[in-house]
Amino acid sequence: MNGLDRLEKRLLKAQKRKFSDSIQRLMALWNELFPGGSLQERGVNFSQFYMLWDQALMDRLKSDLDPLLQQFSIVVLED
């Protein structure tokens, strides 16, 4: 029984470590999408994106976004 208890503790510790890594990655993504706890567009000005991608940004937004959907959308812009 003592050996089973030790094995259980080791497995729980490994599980916590595994979930800790996943949680850290999710938090990094959350902080990128919601800087300062608010929506990205509240802190980053649209003109910054427009300066980098010009008309390609507008074309991409028109094709990828549906203004009537009541959900978040992630638009990935590549260089």
PDB file of N, CA and C in Angstrom:
ATOM      1  N   MET A   1       0.823  -1.204   0.000  1.00  0.00           N
ATOM      2  CA  MET A   1       0.000   0.000   0.000  1.00  0.00           C
ATOM      3  C   MET A   1       0.861   1.260   0.000  1.00  0.00           C
ATOM      4  N   ASN A   2       1.956   1.192   0.743  1.00  0.00           N
ATOM      5  CA  ASN A   2       2.830   2.353   0.820  1.00  0.00           C
ATOM      6  C   ASN A   2       3.389   2.687  -0.568  1.00  0.00           C
ATOM      7  N   GLY A   3       3.739   1.664  -1.327  1.00  0.00           N
ATOM      8  CA  GLY A   3       4.252   1.876  -2.679  1.00  0.00           C
ATOM      9  C   GLY A   3       3.201   2.486  -3.591  1.00  0.00           C
ATOM     10  N   LEU A   4       1.967   2.075  -3.442  1.00  0.00           N
ATOM     11  CA  LEU A   4       0.880   2.648  -4.245  1.00  0.00           C
ATOM     12  C   LEU A   4       0.650   4.114  -3.902  1.00  0.00           C
ATOM     13  N   ASP A   5       0.767   4.450  -2.635  1.00  0.00           N
ATOM     14  CA  ASP A   5       0.610   5.854  -2.225  1.00  0.00           C
ATOM     15  C   ASP A   5       1.694   6.717  -2.851  1.00  0.00           C
ATOM     16  N   ARG A   6       2.936   6.221  -2.850  1.00  0.00           N
ATOM     17  CA  ARG A   6       4.037   6.988  -3.453  1.00  0.00           C
ATOM     18  C   ARG A   6       3.831   7.130  -4.962  1.00  0.00           C
ATOM     19  N   LEU A   7       3.400   6.054  -5.590  1.00  0.00           N
ATOM     20  CA  LEU A   7       3.140   6.103  -7.026  1.00  0.00           C
ATOM     21  C   LEU A   7       2.041   7.116  -7.347  1.00  0.00           C
ATOM     22  N   GLU A   8       0.994   7.117  -6.549  1.00  0.00           N
ATOM     23  CA  GLU A   8      -0.097   8.069  -6.741  1.00  0.00           C
ATOM     24  C   GLU A   8       0.394   9.508  -6.587  1.00  0.00           C
ATOM     25  N   LYS A   9       1.241   9.752  -5.602  1.00  0.00           N
ATOM     26  CA  LYS A   9       1.774  11.102  -5.397  1.00  0.00           C
ATOM     27  C   LYS A   9       2.633  11.530  -6.576  1.00  0.00           C
ATOM     28  N   ARG A  10       3.453  10.597  -7.103  1.00  0.00           N
ATOM     29  CA  ARG A  10       4.294  10.938  -8.257  1.00  0.00           C
ATOM     30  C   ARG A  10       3.434  11.238  -9.479  1.00  0.00           C
ATOM     31  N   LEU A  11       2.399  10.448  -9.689  1.00  0.00           N
ATOM     32  CA  LEU A  11       1.513  10.680 -10.830  1.00  0.00           C
ATOM     33  C   LEU A  11       0.775  12.010 -10.703  1.00  0.00           C
ATOM     34  N   LEU A  12       0.320  12.338  -9.510  1.00  0.00           N
ATOM     35  CA  LEU A  12      -0.358  13.617  -9.299  1.00  0.00           C
ATOM     36  C   LEU A  12       0.587  14.790  -9.548  1.00  0.00           C
ATOM     37  N   LYS A  13       1.836  14.636  -9.106  1.00  0.00           N
ATOM     38  CA  LYS A  13       2.821  15.698  -9.307  1.00  0.00           C
ATOM     39  C   LYS A  13       3.098  15.889 -10.802  1.00  0.00           C
ATOM     40  N   ALA A  14       3.229  14.784 -11.539  1.00  0.00           N
ATOM     41  CA  ALA A  14       3.458  14.874 -12.987  1.00  0.00           C
ATOM     42  C   ALA A  14       2.255  15.506 -13.685  1.00  0.00           C
ATOM     43  N   GLN A  15       1.067  15.153 -13.253  1.00  0.00           N
ATOM     44  CA  GLN A  15      -0.162  15.709 -13.838  1.00  0.00           C
ATOM     45  C   GLN A  15      -0.228  17.221 -13.604  1.00  0.00           C
ATOM     46  N   LYS A  16       0.109  17.650 -12.389  1.00  0.00           N
ATOM     47  CA  LYS A  16       0.100  19.084 -12.076  1.00  0.00           C
ATOM     48  C   LYS A  16       1.113  19.822 -12.939  1.00  0.00           C
ATOM     49  N   ARG A  17       2.287  19.248 -13.144  1.00  0.00           N
ATOM     50  CA  ARG A  17       3.324  19.869 -13.960  1.00  0.00           C
ATOM     51  C   ARG A  17       2.840  19.998 -15.407  1.00  0.00           C
ATOM     52  N   LYS A  18       2.190  18.942 -15.904  1.00  0.00           N
ATOM     53  CA  LYS A  18       1.672  18.959 -17.269  1.00  0.00           C
ATOM     54  C   LYS A  18       0.615  20.053 -17.428  1.00  0.00           C
ATOM     55  N   PHE A  19      -0.313  20.134 -16.493  1.00  0.00           N
ATOM     56  CA  PHE A  19      -1.353  21.155 -16.561  1.00  0.00           C
ATOM     57  C   PHE A  19      -0.789  22.552 -16.350  1.00  0.00           C
ATOM     58  N   SER A  20       0.249  22.661 -15.563  1.00  0.00           N
ATOM     59  CA  SER A  20       0.878  23.957 -15.327  1.00  0.00           C
ATOM     60  C   SER A  20       1.426  24.528 -16.630  1.00  0.00           C
ATOM     61  N   ASP A  21       2.071  23.693 -17.435  1.00  0.00           N
ATOM     62  CA  ASP A  21       2.585  24.147 -18.727  1.00  0.00           C
ATOM     63  C   ASP A  21       1.453  24.595 -19.645  1.00  0.00           C
ATOM     64  N   SER A  22       0.386  23.831 -19.680  1.00  0.00           N
ATOM     65  CA  SER A  22      -0.768  24.183 -20.522  1.00  0.00           C
ATOM     66  C   SER A  22      -1.398  25.485 -20.063  1.00  0.00           C
ATOM     67  N   ILE A  23      -1.526  25.647 -18.780  1.00  0.00           N
ATOM     68  CA  ILE A  23      -2.127  26.867 -18.234  1.00  0.00           C
ATOM     69  C   ILE A  23      -1.257  28.075 -18.544  1.00  0.00           C
ATOM     70  N   GLN A  24       0.058  27.925 -18.450  1.00  0.00           N
ATOM     71  CA  GLN A  24       0.951  29.043 -18.767  1.00  0.00           C
ATOM     72  C   GLN A  24       0.823  29.449 -20.232  1.00  0.00           C
ATOM     73  N   ARG A  25       0.716  28.474 -21.143  1.00  0.00           N
ATOM     74  CA  ARG A  25       0.547  28.802 -22.563  1.00  0.00           C
ATOM     75  C   ARG A  25      -0.791  29.482 -22.813  1.00  0.00           C
ATOM     76  N   LEU A  26      -1.836  28.999 -22.165  1.00  0.00           N
ATOM     77  CA  LEU A  26      -3.151  29.634 -22.317  1.00  0.00           C
ATOM     78  C   LEU A  26      -3.155  31.054 -21.769  1.00  0.00           C
ATOM     79  N   MET A  27      -2.495  31.269 -20.644  1.00  0.00           N
ATOM     80  CA  MET A  27      -2.432  32.616 -20.067  1.00  0.00           C
ATOM     81  C   MET A  27      -1.651  33.569 -20.976  1.00  0.00           C
ATOM     82  N   ALA A  28      -0.582  33.075 -21.613  1.00  0.00           N
ATOM     83  CA  ALA A  28       0.183  33.912 -22.540  1.00  0.00           C
ATOM     84  C   ALA A  28      -0.691  34.304 -23.733  1.00  0.00           C
ATOM     85  N   LEU A  29      -1.463  33.365 -24.243  1.00  0.00           N
ATOM     86  CA  LEU A  29      -2.376  33.658 -25.344  1.00  0.00           C
ATOM     87  C   LEU A  29      -3.454  34.640 -24.911  1.00  0.00           C
ATOM     88  N   TRP A  30      -4.012  34.425 -23.727  1.00  0.00           N
ATOM     89  CA  TRP A  30      -5.037  35.322 -23.184  1.00  0.00           C
ATOM     90  C   TRP A  30      -4.492  36.742 -23.062  1.00  0.00           C
ATOM     91  N   ASN A  31      -3.281  36.878 -22.530  1.00  0.00           N
ATOM     92  CA  ASN A  31      -2.685  38.206 -22.358  1.00  0.00           C
ATOM     93  C   ASN A  31      -2.400  38.880 -23.685  1.00  0.00           C
ATOM     94  N   GLU A  32      -2.135  38.094 -24.726  1.00  0.00           N
ATOM     95  CA  GLU A  32      -1.907  38.663 -26.053  1.00  0.00           C
ATOM     96  C   GLU A  32      -3.221  39.165 -26.656  1.00  0.00           C
ATOM     97  N   LEU A  33      -4.285  38.400 -26.454  1.00  0.00           N
ATOM     98  CA  LEU A  33      -5.576  38.775 -27.026  1.00  0.00           C
ATOM     99  C   LEU A  33      -6.322  39.803 -26.183  1.00  0.00           C
ATOM    100  N   PHE A  34      -6.097  39.785 -24.885  1.00  0.00           N
ATOM    101  CA  PHE A  34      -6.775  40.700 -23.972  1.00  0.00           C
ATOM    102  C   PHE A  34      -5.743  41.432 -23.105  1.00  0.00           C
ATOM    103  N   PRO A  35      -4.929  42.308 -23.717  1.00  0.00           N
ATOM    104  CA  PRO A  35      -3.899  43.013 -22.940  1.00  0.00           C
ATOM    105  C   PRO A  35      -4.535  43.903 -21.870  1.00  0.00           C
ATOM    106  N   GLY A  36      -4.016  43.805 -20.663  1.00  0.00           N
ATOM    107  CA  GLY A  36      -4.554  44.604 -19.561  1.00  0.00           C
ATOM    108  C   GLY A  36      -5.949  44.185 -19.153  1.00  0.00           C
ATOM    109  N   GLY A  37      -6.385  42.992 -19.564  1.00  0.00           N
ATOM    110  CA  GLY A  37      -7.700  42.494 -19.187  1.00  0.00           C
ATOM    111  C   GLY A  37      -8.843  43.044 -20.029  1.00  0.00           C
ATOM    112  N   SER A  38      -8.538  43.790 -21.089  1.00  0.00           N
ATOM    113  CA  SER A  38      -9.601  44.298 -21.958  1.00  0.00           C
ATOM    114  C   SER A  38      -9.339  43.842 -23.385  1.00  0.00           C
ATOM    115  N   LEU A  39     -10.273  44.107 -24.270  1.00  0.00           N
ATOM    116  CA  LEU A  39     -10.131  43.686 -25.650  1.00  0.00           C
ATOM    117  C   LEU A  39      -8.940  44.354 -26.317  1.00  0.00           C
ATOM    118  N   GLN A  40      -8.298  43.631 -27.227  1.00  0.00           N
ATOM    119  CA  GLN A  40      -7.106  44.139 -27.891  1.00  0.00           C
ATOM    120  C   GLN A  40      -7.373  45.455 -28.615  1.00  0.00           C
ATOM    121  N   GLU A  41      -8.522  45.565 -29.258  1.00  0.00           N
ATOM    122  CA  GLU A  41      -8.800  46.787 -30.014  1.00  0.00           C
ATOM    123  C   GLU A  41      -8.979  48.011 -29.118  1.00  0.00           C
ATOM    124  N   ARG A  42      -9.143  47.790 -27.821  1.00  0.00           N
ATOM    125  CA  ARG A  42      -9.237  48.929 -26.890  1.00  0.00           C
ATOM    126  C   ARG A  42      -7.868  49.518 -26.593  1.00  0.00           C
ATOM    127  N   GLY A  43      -6.820  48.714 -26.766  1.00  0.00           N
ATOM    128  CA  GLY A  43      -5.479  49.194 -26.443  1.00  0.00           C
ATOM    129  C   GLY A  43      -4.588  49.400 -27.640  1.00  0.00           C
ATOM    130  N   VAL A  44      -4.893  48.724 -28.749  1.00  0.00           N
ATOM    131  CA  VAL A  44      -4.083  48.827 -29.953  1.00  0.00           C
ATOM    132  C   VAL A  44      -4.915  49.536 -31.010  1.00  0.00           C
ATOM    133  N   ASN A  45      -4.367  50.584 -31.564  1.00  0.00           N
ATOM    134  CA  ASN A  45      -5.090  51.384 -32.534  1.00  0.00           C
ATOM    135  C   ASN A  45      -5.121  50.699 -33.901  1.00  0.00           C
ATOM    136  N   PHE A  46      -6.244  50.772 -34.563  1.00  0.00           N
ATOM    137  CA  PHE A  46      -6.431  50.197 -35.889  1.00  0.00           C
ATOM    138  C   PHE A  46      -5.395  50.711 -36.881  1.00  0.00           C
ATOM    139  N   SER A  47      -5.011  51.968 -36.750  1.00  0.00           N
ATOM    140  CA  SER A  47      -4.082  52.570 -37.710  1.00  0.00           C
ATOM    141  C   SER A  47      -2.719  51.883 -37.694  1.00  0.00           C
ATOM    142  N   GLN A  48      -2.338  51.290 -36.570  1.00  0.00           N
ATOM    143  CA  GLN A  48      -1.069  50.557 -36.518  1.00  0.00           C
ATOM    144  C   GLN A  48      -1.099  49.364 -37.465  1.00  0.00           C
ATOM    145  N   PHE A  49      -2.201  48.664 -37.508  1.00  0.00           N
ATOM    146  CA  PHE A  49      -2.335  47.533 -38.411  1.00  0.00           C
ATOM    147  C   PHE A  49      -2.461  48.003 -39.857  1.00  0.00           C
ATOM    148  N   TYR A  50      -3.195  49.077 -40.063  1.00  0.00           N
ATOM    149  CA  TYR A  50      -3.403  49.588 -41.418  1.00  0.00           C
ATOM    150  C   TYR A  50      -2.089  50.063 -42.030  1.00  0.00           C
ATOM    151  N   MET A  51      -1.234  50.660 -41.222  1.00  0.00           N
ATOM    152  CA  MET A  51       0.064  51.113 -41.728  1.00  0.00           C
ATOM    153  C   MET A  51       0.913  49.934 -42.204  1.00  0.00           C
ATOM    154  N   LEU A  52       0.799  48.807 -41.544  1.00  0.00           N
ATOM    155  CA  LEU A  52       1.612  47.648 -41.909  1.00  0.00           C
ATOM    156  C   LEU A  52       1.055  46.881 -43.105  1.00  0.00           C
ATOM    157  N   TRP A  53      -0.266  46.737 -43.186  1.00  0.00           N
ATOM    158  CA  TRP A  53      -0.849  45.866 -44.198  1.00  0.00           C
ATOM    159  C   TRP A  53      -1.699  46.589 -45.234  1.00  0.00           C
ATOM    160  N   ASP A  54      -1.956  47.877 -45.068  1.00  0.00           N
ATOM    161  CA  ASP A  54      -2.641  48.705 -46.056  1.00  0.00           C
ATOM    162  C   ASP A  54      -3.933  48.060 -46.570  1.00  0.00           C
ATOM    163  N   GLN A  55      -4.155  48.045 -47.848  1.00  0.00           N
ATOM    164  CA  GLN A  55      -5.412  47.557 -48.408  1.00  0.00           C
ATOM    165  C   GLN A  55      -5.584  46.056 -48.190  1.00  0.00           C
ATOM    166  N   ALA A  56      -4.501  45.312 -48.037  1.00  0.00           N
ATOM    167  CA  ALA A  56      -4.603  43.874 -47.789  1.00  0.00           C
ATOM    168  C   ALA A  56      -5.341  43.613 -46.480  1.00  0.00           C
ATOM    169  N   LEU A  57      -5.161  44.500 -45.517  1.00  0.00           N
ATOM    170  CA  LEU A  57      -5.881  44.376 -44.244  1.00  0.00           C
ATOM    171  C   LEU A  57      -7.374  44.532 -44.465  1.00  0.00           C
ATOM    172  N   MET A  58      -7.761  45.536 -45.211  1.00  0.00           N
ATOM    173  CA  MET A  58      -9.180  45.782 -45.454  1.00  0.00           C
ATOM    174  C   MET A  58      -9.814  44.605 -46.208  1.00  0.00           C
ATOM    175  N   ASP A  59      -9.105  44.102 -47.205  1.00  0.00           N
ATOM    176  CA  ASP A  59      -9.625  42.964 -47.965  1.00  0.00           C
ATOM    177  C   ASP A  59      -9.772  41.736 -47.066  1.00  0.00           C
ATOM    178  N   ARG A  60      -8.802  41.519 -46.214  1.00  0.00           N
ATOM    179  CA  ARG A  60      -8.848  40.357 -45.310  1.00  0.00           C
ATOM    180  C   ARG A  60      -9.988  40.484 -44.311  1.00  0.00           C
ATOM    181  N   LEU A  61     -10.175  41.671 -43.756  1.00  0.00           N
ATOM    182  CA  LEU A  61     -11.261  41.873 -42.801  1.00  0.00           C
ATOM    183  C   LEU A  61     -12.621  41.680 -43.461  1.00  0.00           C
ATOM    184  N   LYS A  62     -12.775  42.184 -44.672  1.00  0.00           N
ATOM    185  CA  LYS A  62     -14.049  42.016 -45.386  1.00  0.00           C
ATOM    186  C   LYS A  62     -14.352  40.546 -45.649  1.00  0.00           C
ATOM    187  N   SER A  63     -13.325  39.787 -45.989  1.00  0.00           N
ATOM    188  CA  SER A  63     -13.560  38.379 -46.320  1.00  0.00           C
ATOM    189  C   SER A  63     -13.724  37.497 -45.089  1.00  0.00           C
ATOM    190  N   ASP A  64     -13.070  37.839 -43.977  1.00  0.00           N
ATOM    191  CA  ASP A  64     -13.058  36.955 -42.804  1.00  0.00           C
ATOM    192  C   ASP A  64     -14.108  37.272 -41.750  1.00  0.00           C
ATOM    193  N   LEU A  65     -14.591  38.493 -41.696  1.00  0.00           N
ATOM    194  CA  LEU A  65     -15.483  38.879 -40.610  1.00  0.00           C
ATOM    195  C   LEU A  65     -16.934  38.964 -41.060  1.00  0.00           C
ATOM    196  N   ASP A  66     -17.810  38.552 -40.177  1.00  0.00           N
ATOM    197  CA  ASP A  66     -19.246  38.691 -40.382  1.00  0.00           C
ATOM    198  C   ASP A  66     -19.763  39.564 -39.232  1.00  0.00           C
ATOM    199  N   PRO A  67     -20.126  40.805 -39.500  1.00  0.00           N
ATOM    200  CA  PRO A  67     -20.499  41.717 -38.416  1.00  0.00           C
ATOM    201  C   PRO A  67     -21.749  41.304 -37.650  1.00  0.00           C
ATOM    202  N   LEU A  68     -22.539  40.391 -38.195  1.00  0.00           N
ATOM    203  CA  LEU A  68     -23.763  39.978 -37.508  1.00  0.00           C
ATOM    204  C   LEU A  68     -23.545  38.813 -36.544  1.00  0.00           C
ATOM    205  N   LEU A  69     -22.388  38.175 -36.609  1.00  0.00           N
ATOM    206  CA  LEU A  69     -22.096  37.090 -35.665  1.00  0.00           C
ATOM    207  C   LEU A  69     -21.804  37.671 -34.289  1.00  0.00           C
ATOM    208  N   GLN A  70     -22.336  37.066 -33.287  1.00  0.00           N
ATOM    209  CA  GLN A  70     -22.141  37.535 -31.910  1.00  0.00           C
ATOM    210  C   GLN A  70     -21.067  36.678 -31.234  1.00  0.00           C
ATOM    211  N   GLN A  71     -19.881  36.674 -31.830  1.00  0.00           N
ATOM    212  CA  GLN A  71     -18.778  35.897 -31.263  1.00  0.00           C
ATOM    213  C   GLN A  71     -17.459  36.569 -31.628  1.00  0.00           C
ATOM    214  N   PHE A  72     -16.415  36.197 -30.901  1.00  0.00           N
ATOM    215  CA  PHE A  72     -15.099  36.728 -31.192  1.00  0.00           C
ATOM    216  C   PHE A  72     -14.540  36.033 -32.410  1.00  0.00           C
ATOM    217  N   SER A  73     -13.757  36.762 -33.181  1.00  0.00           N
ATOM    218  CA  SER A  73     -13.068  36.199 -34.326  1.00  0.00           C
ATOM    219  C   SER A  73     -11.600  36.585 -34.227  1.00  0.00           C
ATOM    220  N   ILE A  74     -10.754  35.679 -34.625  1.00  0.00           N
ATOM    221  CA  ILE A  74      -9.321  35.945 -34.641  1.00  0.00           C
ATOM    222  C   ILE A  74      -8.908  35.982 -36.105  1.00  0.00           C
ATOM    223  N   VAL A  75      -8.330  37.094 -36.509  1.00  0.00           N
ATOM    224  CA  VAL A  75      -7.837  37.251 -37.873  1.00  0.00           C
ATOM    225  C   VAL A  75      -6.324  37.243 -37.798  1.00  0.00           C
ATOM    226  N   VAL A  76      -5.725  36.288 -38.483  1.00  0.00           N
ATOM    227  CA  VAL A  76      -4.270  36.157 -38.463  1.00  0.00           C
ATOM    228  C   VAL A  76      -3.718  36.872 -39.686  1.00  0.00           C
ATOM    229  N   LEU A  77      -2.819  37.812 -39.446  1.00  0.00           N
ATOM    230  CA  LEU A  77      -2.171  38.558 -40.512  1.00  0.00           C
ATOM    231  C   LEU A  77      -0.720  38.127 -40.577  1.00  0.00           C
ATOM    232  N   GLU A  78      -0.286  37.743 -41.747  1.00  0.00           N
ATOM    233  CA  GLU A  78       1.087  37.285 -41.929  1.00  0.00           C
ATOM    234  C   GLU A  78       1.854  38.274 -42.769  1.00  0.00           C
ATOM    235  N   ASP A  79       3.147  38.353 -42.489  1.00  0.00           N
ATOM    236  CA  ASP A  79       4.014  39.244 -43.265  1.00  0.00           C
ATOM    237  C   ASP A  79       4.228  38.716 -44.656  1.00  0.00           C
TER     238      ASP A  79
END
